[in-house]
N, C-alpha and C. Protein backbone atom coordinates (compact mmCIF):
# COMPACT_ATOMS: atom_id res chain seq x y z
N MET A 1 23.41 28.81 -16.15
CA MET A 1 23.36 29.56 -17.38
C MET A 1 22.94 28.69 -18.55
N ILE A 2 23.52 27.47 -18.59
CA ILE A 2 23.18 26.55 -19.68
C ILE A 2 21.74 26.09 -19.54
N ALA A 3 21.32 25.82 -18.31
CA ALA A 3 19.96 25.33 -18.09
C ALA A 3 18.94 26.39 -18.53
N GLU A 4 19.20 27.64 -18.25
CA GLU A 4 18.28 28.70 -18.65
C GLU A 4 18.20 28.81 -20.17
N THR A 5 19.35 28.64 -20.84
CA THR A 5 19.37 28.71 -22.30
C THR A 5 18.59 27.55 -22.90
N VAL A 6 18.78 26.36 -22.35
CA VAL A 6 18.06 25.19 -22.85
C VAL A 6 16.56 25.36 -22.66
N CYS A 7 16.14 25.85 -21.50
CA CYS A 7 14.71 26.05 -21.25
C CYS A 7 14.13 27.10 -22.19
N SER A 8 14.88 28.13 -22.46
CA SER A 8 14.39 29.16 -23.40
C SER A 8 14.26 28.59 -24.80
N ALA A 9 15.21 27.76 -25.21
CA ALA A 9 15.14 27.15 -26.54
C ALA A 9 13.96 26.19 -26.64
N VAL A 10 13.71 25.44 -25.59
CA VAL A 10 12.57 24.51 -25.59
C VAL A 10 11.27 25.29 -25.68
N SER A 11 11.18 26.39 -24.97
CA SER A 11 9.97 27.20 -25.02
C SER A 11 9.77 27.81 -26.41
N ALA A 12 10.85 28.30 -27.00
CA ALA A 12 10.73 28.89 -28.35
C ALA A 12 10.30 27.83 -29.35
N ALA A 13 10.88 26.64 -29.27
CA ALA A 13 10.48 25.56 -30.18
C ALA A 13 9.02 25.19 -29.97
N GLY A 14 8.58 25.12 -28.71
CA GLY A 14 7.19 24.80 -28.43
C GLY A 14 6.23 25.85 -28.97
N LEU A 15 6.60 27.11 -28.84
CA LEU A 15 5.75 28.17 -29.38
C LEU A 15 5.69 28.12 -30.90
N GLY A 16 6.81 27.73 -31.52
CA GLY A 16 6.80 27.57 -32.98
C GLY A 16 5.88 26.43 -33.40
N ILE A 17 5.94 25.32 -32.68
CA ILE A 17 5.05 24.19 -32.99
C ILE A 17 3.60 24.61 -32.77
N ALA A 18 3.33 25.39 -31.72
CA ALA A 18 1.97 25.86 -31.47
C ALA A 18 1.48 26.76 -32.60
N ALA A 19 2.39 27.58 -33.15
CA ALA A 19 1.99 28.45 -34.26
C ALA A 19 1.64 27.63 -35.50
N VAL A 20 2.43 26.61 -35.78
CA VAL A 20 2.14 25.74 -36.93
C VAL A 20 0.82 25.01 -36.73
N THR A 21 0.57 24.57 -35.50
CA THR A 21 -0.68 23.87 -35.21
C THR A 21 -1.87 24.81 -35.35
N ALA A 22 -1.73 26.04 -34.92
CA ALA A 22 -2.81 27.00 -35.07
C ALA A 22 -3.04 27.33 -36.54
N TYR A 23 -1.98 27.37 -37.35
CA TYR A 23 -2.10 27.62 -38.78
C TYR A 23 -2.93 26.52 -39.45
N ARG A 24 -2.85 25.29 -38.88
CA ARG A 24 -3.61 24.15 -39.43
C ARG A 24 -5.04 24.11 -38.87
N LYS A 25 -5.47 25.16 -38.25
CA LYS A 25 -6.82 25.31 -37.72
C LYS A 25 -7.13 24.33 -36.57
N ARG A 26 -6.13 23.97 -35.81
CA ARG A 26 -6.32 23.12 -34.63
C ARG A 26 -6.00 23.98 -33.41
N PHE A 27 -6.92 24.91 -33.11
CA PHE A 27 -6.67 25.95 -32.12
C PHE A 27 -6.58 25.40 -30.69
N LEU A 28 -7.42 24.43 -30.37
CA LEU A 28 -7.39 23.88 -29.03
C LEU A 28 -6.04 23.21 -28.74
N ALA A 29 -5.56 22.42 -29.68
CA ALA A 29 -4.26 21.78 -29.52
C ALA A 29 -3.14 22.82 -29.50
N ALA A 30 -3.28 23.87 -30.30
CA ALA A 30 -2.26 24.92 -30.35
C ALA A 30 -2.16 25.63 -29.00
N PHE A 31 -3.30 25.95 -28.39
CA PHE A 31 -3.25 26.59 -27.09
C PHE A 31 -2.65 25.66 -26.03
N ARG A 32 -2.97 24.38 -26.09
CA ARG A 32 -2.40 23.42 -25.14
C ARG A 32 -0.88 23.34 -25.29
N ILE A 33 -0.38 23.30 -26.54
CA ILE A 33 1.06 23.25 -26.79
C ILE A 33 1.73 24.53 -26.32
N ALA A 34 1.08 25.66 -26.55
CA ALA A 34 1.63 26.94 -26.11
C ALA A 34 1.72 27.00 -24.58
N ALA A 35 0.72 26.45 -23.90
CA ALA A 35 0.74 26.44 -22.44
C ALA A 35 1.90 25.59 -21.93
N TYR A 36 2.07 24.41 -22.51
CA TYR A 36 3.19 23.55 -22.09
C TYR A 36 4.54 24.19 -22.41
N SER A 37 4.63 24.90 -23.52
CA SER A 37 5.92 25.48 -23.90
C SER A 37 6.28 26.70 -23.04
N LEU A 38 5.32 27.31 -22.36
CA LEU A 38 5.62 28.44 -21.49
C LEU A 38 6.08 28.00 -20.10
N ILE A 39 5.89 26.74 -19.76
CA ILE A 39 6.28 26.25 -18.42
C ILE A 39 7.79 26.37 -18.19
N PRO A 40 8.68 25.95 -19.12
CA PRO A 40 10.11 26.08 -18.85
C PRO A 40 10.57 27.52 -18.60
N VAL A 41 10.04 28.48 -19.35
CA VAL A 41 10.42 29.88 -19.14
C VAL A 41 9.92 30.36 -17.77
N GLY A 42 8.74 29.93 -17.38
CA GLY A 42 8.22 30.28 -16.06
C GLY A 42 9.09 29.71 -14.95
N LEU A 43 9.58 28.50 -15.13
CA LEU A 43 10.45 27.89 -14.13
C LEU A 43 11.79 28.63 -14.04
N VAL A 44 12.30 29.07 -15.19
CA VAL A 44 13.55 29.84 -15.18
C VAL A 44 13.36 31.15 -14.44
N MET A 45 12.25 31.83 -14.70
CA MET A 45 12.01 33.13 -14.08
C MET A 45 11.78 33.03 -12.58
N THR A 46 11.24 31.92 -12.09
CA THR A 46 11.02 31.77 -10.65
C THR A 46 12.27 31.29 -9.92
N GLY A 47 13.28 30.84 -10.63
CA GLY A 47 14.51 30.39 -10.00
C GLY A 47 14.56 28.91 -9.71
N VAL A 48 13.53 28.18 -10.08
CA VAL A 48 13.49 26.74 -9.82
C VAL A 48 14.56 26.02 -10.63
N VAL A 49 14.78 26.44 -11.85
CA VAL A 49 15.76 25.77 -12.71
C VAL A 49 17.17 25.95 -12.14
N GLY A 50 17.49 27.15 -11.67
CA GLY A 50 18.80 27.37 -11.06
C GLY A 50 19.00 26.50 -9.83
N TRP A 51 17.95 26.41 -9.00
CA TRP A 51 18.04 25.58 -7.81
C TRP A 51 18.22 24.10 -8.18
N LEU A 52 17.47 23.63 -9.17
CA LEU A 52 17.59 22.25 -9.61
C LEU A 52 18.96 21.97 -10.21
N ALA A 53 19.48 22.93 -10.97
CA ALA A 53 20.80 22.74 -11.58
C ALA A 53 21.88 22.67 -10.50
N ASP A 54 21.76 23.53 -9.49
CA ASP A 54 22.72 23.49 -8.39
C ASP A 54 22.62 22.17 -7.63
N THR A 55 21.42 21.68 -7.47
CA THR A 55 21.21 20.43 -6.75
C THR A 55 21.69 19.23 -7.56
N ALA A 56 21.45 19.25 -8.86
CA ALA A 56 21.81 18.11 -9.71
C ALA A 56 23.31 17.92 -9.79
N PHE A 57 24.08 18.99 -9.69
CA PHE A 57 25.53 18.88 -9.81
C PHE A 57 26.23 18.94 -8.45
N SER A 58 25.50 18.77 -7.39
CA SER A 58 26.07 18.84 -6.05
C SER A 58 26.24 17.43 -5.48
N PRO A 59 27.47 17.00 -5.17
CA PRO A 59 27.67 15.68 -4.58
C PRO A 59 27.00 15.53 -3.22
N THR A 60 26.94 16.61 -2.47
CA THR A 60 26.28 16.56 -1.17
C THR A 60 24.79 16.25 -1.32
N ALA A 61 24.17 16.86 -2.32
CA ALA A 61 22.75 16.60 -2.56
C ALA A 61 22.53 15.13 -2.95
N TRP A 62 23.41 14.58 -3.79
CA TRP A 62 23.25 13.19 -4.20
C TRP A 62 23.47 12.24 -3.04
N ILE A 63 24.41 12.55 -2.16
CA ILE A 63 24.61 11.72 -0.96
C ILE A 63 23.36 11.80 -0.08
N GLY A 64 22.77 12.99 0.03
CA GLY A 64 21.54 13.14 0.80
C GLY A 64 20.39 12.32 0.22
N PHE A 65 20.26 12.35 -1.12
CA PHE A 65 19.23 11.54 -1.76
C PHE A 65 19.48 10.05 -1.52
N GLY A 66 20.75 9.65 -1.56
CA GLY A 66 21.10 8.25 -1.29
C GLY A 66 20.75 7.85 0.14
N LEU A 67 21.02 8.73 1.09
CA LEU A 67 20.67 8.44 2.48
C LEU A 67 19.16 8.36 2.67
N LEU A 68 18.43 9.25 2.02
CA LEU A 68 16.97 9.17 2.11
C LEU A 68 16.45 7.87 1.52
N GLY A 69 17.00 7.45 0.39
CA GLY A 69 16.61 6.18 -0.21
C GLY A 69 16.94 4.99 0.67
N GLY A 70 18.12 5.03 1.29
CA GLY A 70 18.51 3.95 2.20
C GLY A 70 17.59 3.87 3.41
N ALA A 71 17.23 5.02 3.95
CA ALA A 71 16.31 5.05 5.09
C ALA A 71 14.95 4.48 4.69
N TRP A 72 14.50 4.83 3.50
CA TRP A 72 13.22 4.29 3.03
C TRP A 72 13.28 2.77 2.88
N VAL A 73 14.38 2.25 2.33
CA VAL A 73 14.53 0.80 2.18
C VAL A 73 14.54 0.11 3.54
N LEU A 74 15.25 0.68 4.52
CA LEU A 74 15.27 0.10 5.85
C LEU A 74 13.89 0.08 6.49
N LEU A 75 13.16 1.17 6.36
CA LEU A 75 11.81 1.22 6.92
C LEU A 75 10.89 0.21 6.25
N ALA A 76 10.95 0.12 4.93
CA ALA A 76 10.10 -0.83 4.21
C ALA A 76 10.45 -2.27 4.59
N THR A 77 11.74 -2.56 4.75
CA THR A 77 12.16 -3.91 5.12
C THR A 77 11.67 -4.28 6.52
N THR A 78 11.82 -3.36 7.47
CA THR A 78 11.37 -3.67 8.82
C THR A 78 9.87 -3.84 8.88
N ARG A 79 9.12 -3.07 8.11
CA ARG A 79 7.67 -3.24 8.08
C ARG A 79 7.29 -4.59 7.51
N ALA A 80 7.99 -5.02 6.44
CA ALA A 80 7.69 -6.31 5.84
C ALA A 80 7.99 -7.46 6.80
N VAL A 81 9.14 -7.37 7.48
CA VAL A 81 9.49 -8.42 8.44
C VAL A 81 8.50 -8.43 9.60
N GLU A 82 8.10 -7.26 10.06
CA GLU A 82 7.15 -7.18 11.16
C GLU A 82 5.81 -7.80 10.78
N ARG A 83 5.35 -7.57 9.56
CA ARG A 83 4.11 -8.18 9.10
C ARG A 83 4.23 -9.68 9.00
N ARG A 84 5.38 -10.14 8.53
CA ARG A 84 5.59 -11.58 8.37
C ARG A 84 5.60 -12.28 9.72
N ARG A 85 6.22 -11.65 10.72
CA ARG A 85 6.29 -12.25 12.05
C ARG A 85 4.97 -12.14 12.80
N GLY A 86 4.13 -11.21 12.43
CA GLY A 86 2.85 -11.06 13.11
C GLY A 86 2.84 -9.94 14.12
N GLY A 87 3.60 -8.92 13.91
CA GLY A 87 3.57 -7.76 14.79
C GLY A 87 4.82 -7.65 15.63
N THR A 88 4.82 -6.65 16.49
CA THR A 88 5.97 -6.42 17.36
C THR A 88 5.94 -7.39 18.53
N ARG A 89 7.00 -7.40 19.30
CA ARG A 89 7.10 -8.32 20.44
C ARG A 89 5.99 -8.03 21.45
N ALA A 90 5.69 -6.78 21.69
CA ALA A 90 4.63 -6.42 22.64
C ALA A 90 3.27 -6.90 22.13
N GLU A 91 3.04 -6.77 20.82
CA GLU A 91 1.77 -7.22 20.25
C GLU A 91 1.63 -8.73 20.36
N ARG A 92 2.73 -9.47 20.12
CA ARG A 92 2.68 -10.93 20.24
C ARG A 92 2.44 -11.35 21.68
N LYS A 93 3.06 -10.63 22.64
CA LYS A 93 2.88 -10.95 24.04
C LYS A 93 1.43 -10.70 24.46
N ALA A 94 0.85 -9.61 24.00
CA ALA A 94 -0.55 -9.31 24.31
C ALA A 94 -1.48 -10.35 23.70
N ALA A 95 -1.17 -10.82 22.49
CA ALA A 95 -1.99 -11.84 21.86
C ALA A 95 -1.91 -13.16 22.63
N ARG A 96 -0.71 -13.52 23.11
CA ARG A 96 -0.57 -14.73 23.91
C ARG A 96 -1.35 -14.62 25.21
N ALA A 97 -1.31 -13.45 25.85
CA ALA A 97 -2.05 -13.25 27.10
C ALA A 97 -3.55 -13.34 26.85
N ALA A 98 -4.02 -12.81 25.75
CA ALA A 98 -5.44 -12.88 25.43
C ALA A 98 -5.86 -14.33 25.17
N ARG A 99 -4.99 -15.10 24.51
CA ARG A 99 -5.30 -16.51 24.26
C ARG A 99 -5.37 -17.30 25.56
N SER A 100 -4.46 -17.01 26.49
CA SER A 100 -4.47 -17.76 27.75
C SER A 100 -5.66 -17.38 28.61
N GLU A 101 -6.16 -16.15 28.50
CA GLU A 101 -7.34 -15.75 29.25
C GLU A 101 -8.59 -16.44 28.75
N THR A 102 -8.66 -16.72 27.47
CA THR A 102 -9.85 -17.34 26.91
C THR A 102 -9.81 -18.86 27.02
N ALA A 103 -8.72 -19.41 27.52
CA ALA A 103 -8.62 -20.86 27.65
C ALA A 103 -9.51 -21.33 28.80
N VAL A 104 -9.84 -22.62 28.78
CA VAL A 104 -10.67 -23.20 29.82
C VAL A 104 -9.90 -23.22 31.12
N ALA A 105 -10.56 -22.93 32.20
CA ALA A 105 -9.92 -22.90 33.51
C ALA A 105 -9.44 -24.30 33.87
N PRO A 106 -8.19 -24.45 34.33
CA PRO A 106 -7.67 -25.79 34.61
C PRO A 106 -8.28 -26.42 35.85
N THR A 107 -8.91 -25.64 36.74
CA THR A 107 -9.48 -26.20 37.96
C THR A 107 -10.88 -26.76 37.74
N ALA A 108 -11.49 -26.46 36.64
CA ALA A 108 -12.83 -26.98 36.39
C ALA A 108 -12.73 -28.43 35.97
N SER A 109 -13.31 -29.32 36.80
CA SER A 109 -13.20 -30.74 36.50
C SER A 109 -14.51 -31.33 36.02
N ALA A 110 -15.63 -30.75 36.39
CA ALA A 110 -16.92 -31.30 35.97
C ALA A 110 -17.79 -30.15 35.47
N PRO A 111 -18.66 -30.44 34.53
CA PRO A 111 -19.55 -29.39 34.06
C PRO A 111 -20.51 -28.96 35.17
N SER A 112 -20.83 -27.69 35.19
CA SER A 112 -21.66 -27.17 36.26
C SER A 112 -23.14 -27.44 36.02
N LEU A 113 -23.54 -27.87 34.84
CA LEU A 113 -24.95 -28.10 34.53
C LEU A 113 -25.38 -29.53 34.82
N GLY A 114 -24.48 -30.37 35.18
CA GLY A 114 -24.85 -31.75 35.46
C GLY A 114 -24.62 -32.63 34.25
N PRO A 115 -25.08 -33.86 34.32
CA PRO A 115 -24.85 -34.79 33.21
C PRO A 115 -25.64 -34.38 31.97
N ALA A 116 -25.18 -34.85 30.86
CA ALA A 116 -25.82 -34.53 29.59
C ALA A 116 -27.18 -35.20 29.51
N THR A 117 -28.16 -34.49 28.99
CA THR A 117 -29.51 -35.04 28.86
C THR A 117 -29.87 -35.26 27.40
N ARG A 118 -28.93 -35.13 26.53
CA ARG A 118 -29.18 -35.30 25.11
C ARG A 118 -29.28 -36.78 24.78
N PRO A 119 -30.23 -37.17 23.99
CA PRO A 119 -30.30 -38.59 23.59
C PRO A 119 -29.14 -38.93 22.66
N THR A 120 -28.70 -40.16 22.70
CA THR A 120 -27.56 -40.58 21.88
C THR A 120 -27.93 -40.68 20.42
N THR A 121 -29.16 -41.04 20.10
CA THR A 121 -29.60 -41.10 18.71
C THR A 121 -30.74 -40.12 18.53
N ALA A 122 -30.58 -39.22 17.63
CA ALA A 122 -31.62 -38.23 17.38
C ALA A 122 -32.61 -38.79 16.37
N PRO A 123 -33.88 -38.61 16.60
CA PRO A 123 -34.87 -39.11 15.63
C PRO A 123 -34.81 -38.27 14.36
N ARG A 124 -34.93 -38.93 13.23
CA ARG A 124 -34.90 -38.22 11.94
C ARG A 124 -36.32 -37.87 11.55
N THR A 125 -36.56 -36.56 11.56
CA THR A 125 -37.90 -36.12 11.22
C THR A 125 -37.97 -35.58 9.81
N THR A 126 -36.88 -35.03 9.32
CA THR A 126 -36.87 -34.45 7.97
C THR A 126 -35.67 -34.96 7.22
N GLY A 127 -35.66 -34.71 5.94
CA GLY A 127 -34.52 -35.10 5.11
C GLY A 127 -33.41 -34.07 5.17
N ALA A 128 -33.58 -32.98 5.93
CA ALA A 128 -32.57 -31.94 6.01
C ALA A 128 -31.34 -32.41 6.75
N SER A 129 -31.49 -33.35 7.70
CA SER A 129 -30.33 -33.83 8.45
C SER A 129 -29.40 -34.64 7.57
N ASP A 130 -29.91 -35.21 6.47
CA ASP A 130 -29.05 -35.94 5.54
C ASP A 130 -28.08 -35.00 4.85
N ASP A 131 -28.48 -33.75 4.68
CA ASP A 131 -27.60 -32.77 4.03
C ASP A 131 -26.38 -32.49 4.88
N PHE A 132 -26.49 -32.62 6.18
CA PHE A 132 -25.39 -32.30 7.08
C PHE A 132 -24.57 -33.52 7.46
N SER A 133 -24.90 -34.67 6.94
CA SER A 133 -24.16 -35.87 7.32
C SER A 133 -22.71 -35.80 6.83
N ASP A 134 -22.50 -35.22 5.66
CA ASP A 134 -21.12 -35.06 5.17
C ASP A 134 -20.32 -34.13 6.07
N ILE A 135 -20.96 -33.07 6.49
CA ILE A 135 -20.29 -32.11 7.35
C ILE A 135 -19.97 -32.75 8.69
N GLU A 136 -20.92 -33.52 9.23
CA GLU A 136 -20.68 -34.20 10.50
C GLU A 136 -19.53 -35.19 10.39
N ALA A 137 -19.44 -35.88 9.26
CA ALA A 137 -18.34 -36.83 9.07
C ALA A 137 -17.00 -36.12 9.03
N ILE A 138 -16.95 -34.98 8.39
CA ILE A 138 -15.69 -34.22 8.32
C ILE A 138 -15.31 -33.73 9.71
N LEU A 139 -16.30 -33.23 10.47
CA LEU A 139 -16.00 -32.76 11.80
C LEU A 139 -15.53 -33.88 12.72
N LYS A 140 -16.16 -35.04 12.61
CA LYS A 140 -15.73 -36.18 13.42
C LYS A 140 -14.34 -36.63 13.05
N LYS A 141 -14.02 -36.57 11.75
CA LYS A 141 -12.69 -36.95 11.28
C LYS A 141 -11.60 -36.09 11.90
N HIS A 142 -11.91 -34.80 12.09
CA HIS A 142 -10.93 -33.88 12.66
C HIS A 142 -11.04 -33.77 14.18
N GLY A 143 -11.93 -34.56 14.78
CA GLY A 143 -12.04 -34.58 16.23
C GLY A 143 -12.78 -33.40 16.80
N ILE A 144 -13.67 -32.83 16.03
CA ILE A 144 -14.44 -31.67 16.50
C ILE A 144 -15.84 -32.10 16.86
């Protein structure tokens, strides 16, 4: 009952402000204010305000909202931990299996193509190889 009275008063005040705005020759703003001021009365007539008022003063509803919030926090926390760890246990196991499949076979002892035929010193034909000398030094430093 109180909620309906408050909504009606807000609508009446909004319509009054819209009338003053229209009197000042600002018709577009007046129509916009009138539209906003009719929303509370429309909500009262559809029963939304009564439902909201019953929900707002219901301890059961607040406990339900608290449980929904707690569930959301738990889900968000588990997702964050899962991302930090790198996925679920099954995903990590599959990643380990994929890594072991791509590893070099332990039974291969010699290359199948034979000995290397690359010369130990490459002839320098252009100045472009000087550009890569820094990169080669970094790779050698890291054992690559």
